[in-house]
Amino acid sequence: MKVFFSIIKNKYVITVVALIVWLSFFDKNDFATQMDLSSKVKKLESERDYYIKAITDTKKEITELQTDSTNLEKFARENYLMKKDNEDVFVIVKK
């Protein structure tokens, strides 16, 4: 017991313990803040991966539209409801 109390009364041990408690709970970079920032980083990385994939898909689609006129015509018909002069367009909406 005396050894335990002598260690606790040591000013260096008290200082180190107080520093650890301060850095763990009261500092601006405490554990809760670090966990929150870590989750935000993971979320942003997943969003970045999604947008990189979307960009590559869009670039692929653009090159297909620029190289093949049948793909361009199909794209215009499906997305912008364009038609030729002698055609009728029927839009079917699924419920």
Protein backbone atom coordinates (compact mmCIF):
# COMPACT_ATOMS: atom_id res chain seq x y z
CA MET A 1 0.00 0.00 0.00
CA LYS A 2 2.78 2.42 0.84
CA VAL A 3 4.36 1.82 -2.57
CA PHE A 4 1.03 2.51 -4.26
CA PHE A 5 0.52 5.76 -2.35
CA SER A 6 4.08 6.86 -3.00
CA ILE A 7 3.56 6.33 -6.74
CA ILE A 8 0.27 8.24 -6.67
CA LYS A 9 1.85 11.11 -4.73
CA ASN A 10 4.68 11.41 -7.25
CA LYS A 11 4.27 14.74 -9.05
CA TYR A 12 5.39 13.30 -12.39
CA VAL A 13 2.79 10.53 -12.30
CA ILE A 14 0.09 13.04 -11.39
CA THR A 15 1.22 15.31 -14.23
CA VAL A 16 1.25 12.48 -16.79
CA VAL A 17 -2.18 11.21 -15.71
CA ALA A 18 -3.63 14.73 -15.81
CA LEU A 19 -2.14 15.29 -19.27
CA ILE A 20 -3.58 12.02 -20.58
CA VAL A 21 -7.02 12.83 -19.16
CA TRP A 22 -6.88 16.35 -20.59
CA LEU A 23 -5.83 15.17 -24.07
CA SER A 24 -8.37 12.34 -24.07
CA PHE A 25 -11.48 14.22 -23.04
CA PHE A 26 -11.08 18.01 -22.93
CA ASP A 27 -8.76 18.93 -25.79
CA LYS A 28 -10.15 20.02 -29.17
CA ASN A 29 -8.73 16.80 -30.67
CA ASP A 30 -10.26 14.41 -28.14
CA PHE A 31 -11.41 10.86 -28.87
CA ALA A 32 -15.00 11.82 -29.78
CA THR A 33 -13.82 14.43 -32.26
CA GLN A 34 -11.36 12.01 -33.82
CA MET A 35 -14.06 9.34 -34.20
CA ASP A 36 -16.41 11.87 -35.80
CA LEU A 37 -13.73 13.07 -38.21
CA SER A 38 -12.82 9.48 -39.07
CA SER A 39 -16.44 8.68 -39.99
CA LYS A 40 -16.64 11.85 -42.11
CA VAL A 41 -13.46 10.86 -43.94
CA LYS A 42 -14.86 7.41 -44.72
CA LYS A 43 -18.11 8.95 -45.98
CA LEU A 44 -16.26 11.43 -48.18
CA GLU A 45 -14.03 8.69 -49.58
CA SER A 46 -17.07 6.62 -50.54
CA GLU A 47 -18.63 9.69 -52.18
CA ARG A 48 -15.38 10.31 -54.03
CA ASP A 49 -15.37 6.74 -55.33
CA TYR A 50 -18.99 7.11 -56.46
CA TYR A 51 -18.27 10.33 -58.34
CA ILE A 52 -15.11 8.93 -59.94
CA LYS A 53 -17.16 6.00 -61.22
CA ALA A 54 -19.90 8.36 -62.45
CA ILE A 55 -17.34 10.48 -64.28
CA THR A 56 -15.80 7.48 -66.02
CA ASP A 57 -19.25 6.20 -67.02
CA THR A 58 -20.20 9.61 -68.39
CA LYS A 59 -16.95 9.92 -70.34
CA LYS A 60 -17.56 6.48 -71.82
CA GLU A 61 -21.10 7.47 -72.78
CA ILE A 62 -19.87 10.72 -74.37
CA THR A 63 -17.32 8.90 -76.50
CA GLU A 64 -19.99 6.41 -77.60
CA LEU A 65 -22.34 9.26 -78.54
CA GLN A 66 -19.64 11.11 -80.46
CA THR A 67 -18.48 8.09 -82.43
CA ASP A 68 -21.73 6.35 -83.36
CA SER A 69 -24.73 8.20 -84.82
CA THR A 70 -27.15 5.37 -84.02
CA ASN A 71 -26.28 5.65 -80.32
CA LEU A 72 -26.77 9.41 -80.53
CA GLU A 73 -30.18 8.97 -82.14
CA LYS A 74 -31.19 6.37 -79.53
CA PHE A 75 -30.04 8.68 -76.72
CA ALA A 76 -32.02 11.63 -78.12
CA ARG A 77 -35.14 9.51 -78.52
CA GLU A 78 -35.00 7.99 -75.03
CA ASN A 79 -33.93 11.00 -72.98
CA TYR A 80 -35.33 13.98 -74.84
CA LEU A 81 -38.33 12.35 -76.57
CA MET A 82 -37.15 13.55 -79.98
CA LYS A 83 -38.66 12.06 -83.10
CA LYS A 84 -38.45 12.17 -86.84
CA ASP A 85 -41.01 14.16 -88.84
CA ASN A 86 -43.12 11.20 -89.85
CA GLU A 87 -43.17 9.43 -86.46
CA ASP A 88 -45.38 9.50 -83.38
CA VAL A 89 -43.98 9.10 -79.87
CA PHE A 90 -45.87 7.19 -77.21
CA VAL A 91 -44.63 7.46 -73.64
CA ILE A 92 -45.53 4.50 -71.44
CA VAL A 93 -45.37 5.17 -67.71
CA LYS A 94 -45.19 2.17 -65.41
CA LYS A 95 -46.97 2.46 -62.07
